[in-house]
């Protein structure tokens, strides 16, 4: 019975390590920036969360959750969140609030 217990403990350790590796590998790494305007490319769109990830021209990744006040425009016209697609060039104006970035405006540049 002792041998089975040792095998079970080893399995739990290996499985736990795998879960931790999977968790950290699936987390998107984002950068903290100051309030301001940044140019970049949409790297990911999560429609269910009205969230986008923007890769800035200087290599930073911004995680942006849209609020009711976020203005999304294209060619000077207000557009729906569904207009955003991965790979689009954007200019984002963000306000740093604590550790998060609130997007004030997002302009689709294409």
Protein backbone atom coordinates (compact mmCIF):
# COMPACT_ATOMS: atom_id res chain seq x y z
CA UNK A 1 0.00 0.00 0.00
CA UNK A 2 2.87 2.34 0.74
CA UNK A 3 4.14 1.97 -2.81
CA UNK A 4 0.72 2.95 -4.21
CA UNK A 5 0.67 6.00 -1.96
CA UNK A 6 4.09 7.09 -3.23
CA UNK A 7 2.93 6.69 -6.84
CA UNK A 8 -0.18 8.71 -6.07
CA UNK A 9 1.90 11.50 -4.48
CA UNK A 10 4.22 11.58 -7.48
CA UNK A 11 1.26 11.73 -9.87
CA UNK A 12 -0.29 14.62 -7.92
CA UNK A 13 3.01 16.56 -8.03
CA UNK A 14 3.41 16.04 -11.78
CA UNK A 15 -0.23 16.88 -12.48
CA UNK A 16 -0.04 20.02 -10.31
CA UNK A 17 3.07 21.14 -12.16
CA UNK A 18 1.34 20.61 -15.49
CA UNK A 19 -1.67 22.67 -14.37
CA UNK A 20 0.57 25.53 -13.23
CA UNK A 21 2.49 25.48 -16.49
CA UNK A 22 -0.75 25.51 -18.49
CA UNK A 23 -2.17 28.37 -16.40
CA UNK A 24 0.88 30.59 -16.79
CA UNK A 25 1.29 29.78 -20.49
CA UNK A 26 -2.31 30.79 -21.19
CA UNK A 27 -2.11 34.12 -19.36
CA UNK A 28 -1.63 37.12 -21.61
CA UNK A 29 1.31 39.25 -20.51
CA UNK A 30 0.40 42.94 -20.47
CA UNK A 31 2.36 46.10 -19.78
CA UNK A 32 1.68 49.04 -17.50
CA UNK A 33 1.87 52.40 -19.24
CA UNK A 34 1.01 55.94 -18.25
CA UNK A 35 -2.09 57.80 -19.39
CA UNK A 36 -1.71 58.96 -22.97
CA UNK A 37 -2.20 58.13 -26.64
CA UNK A 38 -0.60 55.05 -28.21
CA UNK A 39 -0.50 53.70 -31.77
CA UNK A 40 -0.50 49.98 -32.41
CA UNK A 41 -2.22 46.91 -33.78
CA UNK A 42 -5.13 44.91 -32.39
CA UNK A 43 -3.57 41.65 -31.22
CA UNK A 44 -6.72 40.00 -29.85
CA UNK A 45 -10.45 40.76 -29.60
CA UNK A 46 -12.59 39.22 -26.85
CA UNK A 47 -16.11 40.22 -27.85
CA UNK A 48 -17.83 38.59 -24.86
CA UNK A 49 -15.86 40.84 -22.50
CA UNK A 50 -15.69 43.89 -24.83
CA UNK A 51 -11.95 43.65 -24.37
CA UNK A 52 -9.04 44.07 -26.76
CA UNK A 53 -5.31 43.59 -26.55
CA UNK A 54 -3.26 46.15 -28.45
CA UNK A 55 0.41 45.65 -29.36
CA UNK A 56 1.89 49.15 -29.43
CA UNK A 57 4.43 50.29 -31.98
CA UNK A 58 7.10 50.16 -29.25
CA UNK A 59 6.31 46.51 -28.41
CA UNK A 60 4.11 46.86 -25.33
CA UNK A 61 0.85 44.93 -24.93
CA UNK A 62 -2.13 46.88 -23.58
CA UNK A 63 -5.21 45.14 -22.14
CA UNK A 64 -8.25 47.36 -22.65
CA UNK A 65 -11.75 46.69 -21.29
CA UNK A 66 -14.21 48.98 -22.99
CA UNK A 67 -16.52 51.04 -20.78
CA UNK A 68 -19.83 52.72 -21.63
CA UNK A 69 -17.82 55.93 -22.15
CA UNK A 70 -15.23 54.48 -24.58
CA UNK A 71 -15.55 56.14 -27.99
CA UNK A 72 -14.82 53.75 -30.88
CA UNK A 73 -14.49 55.47 -34.25
CA UNK A 74 -13.45 54.76 -37.82
CA UNK A 75 -13.12 57.53 -40.42
CA UNK A 76 -14.60 59.96 -37.87
CA UNK A 77 -17.79 57.90 -37.46
CA UNK A 78 -18.84 56.02 -34.33
CA UNK A 79 -18.77 52.26 -34.97
CA UNK A 80 -19.86 49.18 -33.04
CA UNK A 81 -17.37 47.04 -31.08
CA UNK A 82 -17.96 44.26 -33.65
CA UNK A 83 -16.03 46.37 -36.20
CA UNK A 84 -12.76 45.53 -34.40
CA UNK A 85 -10.65 42.73 -35.84
CA UNK A 86 -7.26 41.29 -35.11
CA UNK A 87 -4.53 43.01 -37.14
CA UNK A 88 -6.26 46.40 -37.43
CA UNK A 89 -4.16 49.51 -36.89
CA UNK A 90 -5.54 51.59 -34.02
CA UNK A 91 -4.77 54.69 -32.00
CA UNK A 92 -5.86 54.41 -28.38
CA UNK A 93 -6.17 57.09 -25.74
CA UNK A 94 -6.01 55.55 -22.28
CA UNK A 95 -6.30 56.75 -18.71
CA UNK A 96 -4.39 54.89 -16.04
CA UNK A 97 -6.68 54.23 -13.06
CA UNK A 98 -4.73 52.40 -10.36
CA UNK A 99 -3.30 49.33 -12.10
CA UNK A 100 -5.78 49.24 -14.99
CA UNK A 101 -6.04 51.18 -18.23
CA UNK A 102 -9.41 52.65 -19.19
CA UNK A 103 -9.73 53.30 -22.93
CA UNK A 104 -11.14 56.78 -23.46
CA UNK A 105 -11.09 56.49 -27.23
CA UNK A 106 -10.09 53.94 -29.84
CA UNK A 107 -9.67 55.06 -33.44
CA UNK A 108 -9.52 52.40 -36.16
CA UNK A 109 -6.93 53.79 -38.57
CA UNK A 110 -7.81 51.69 -41.65
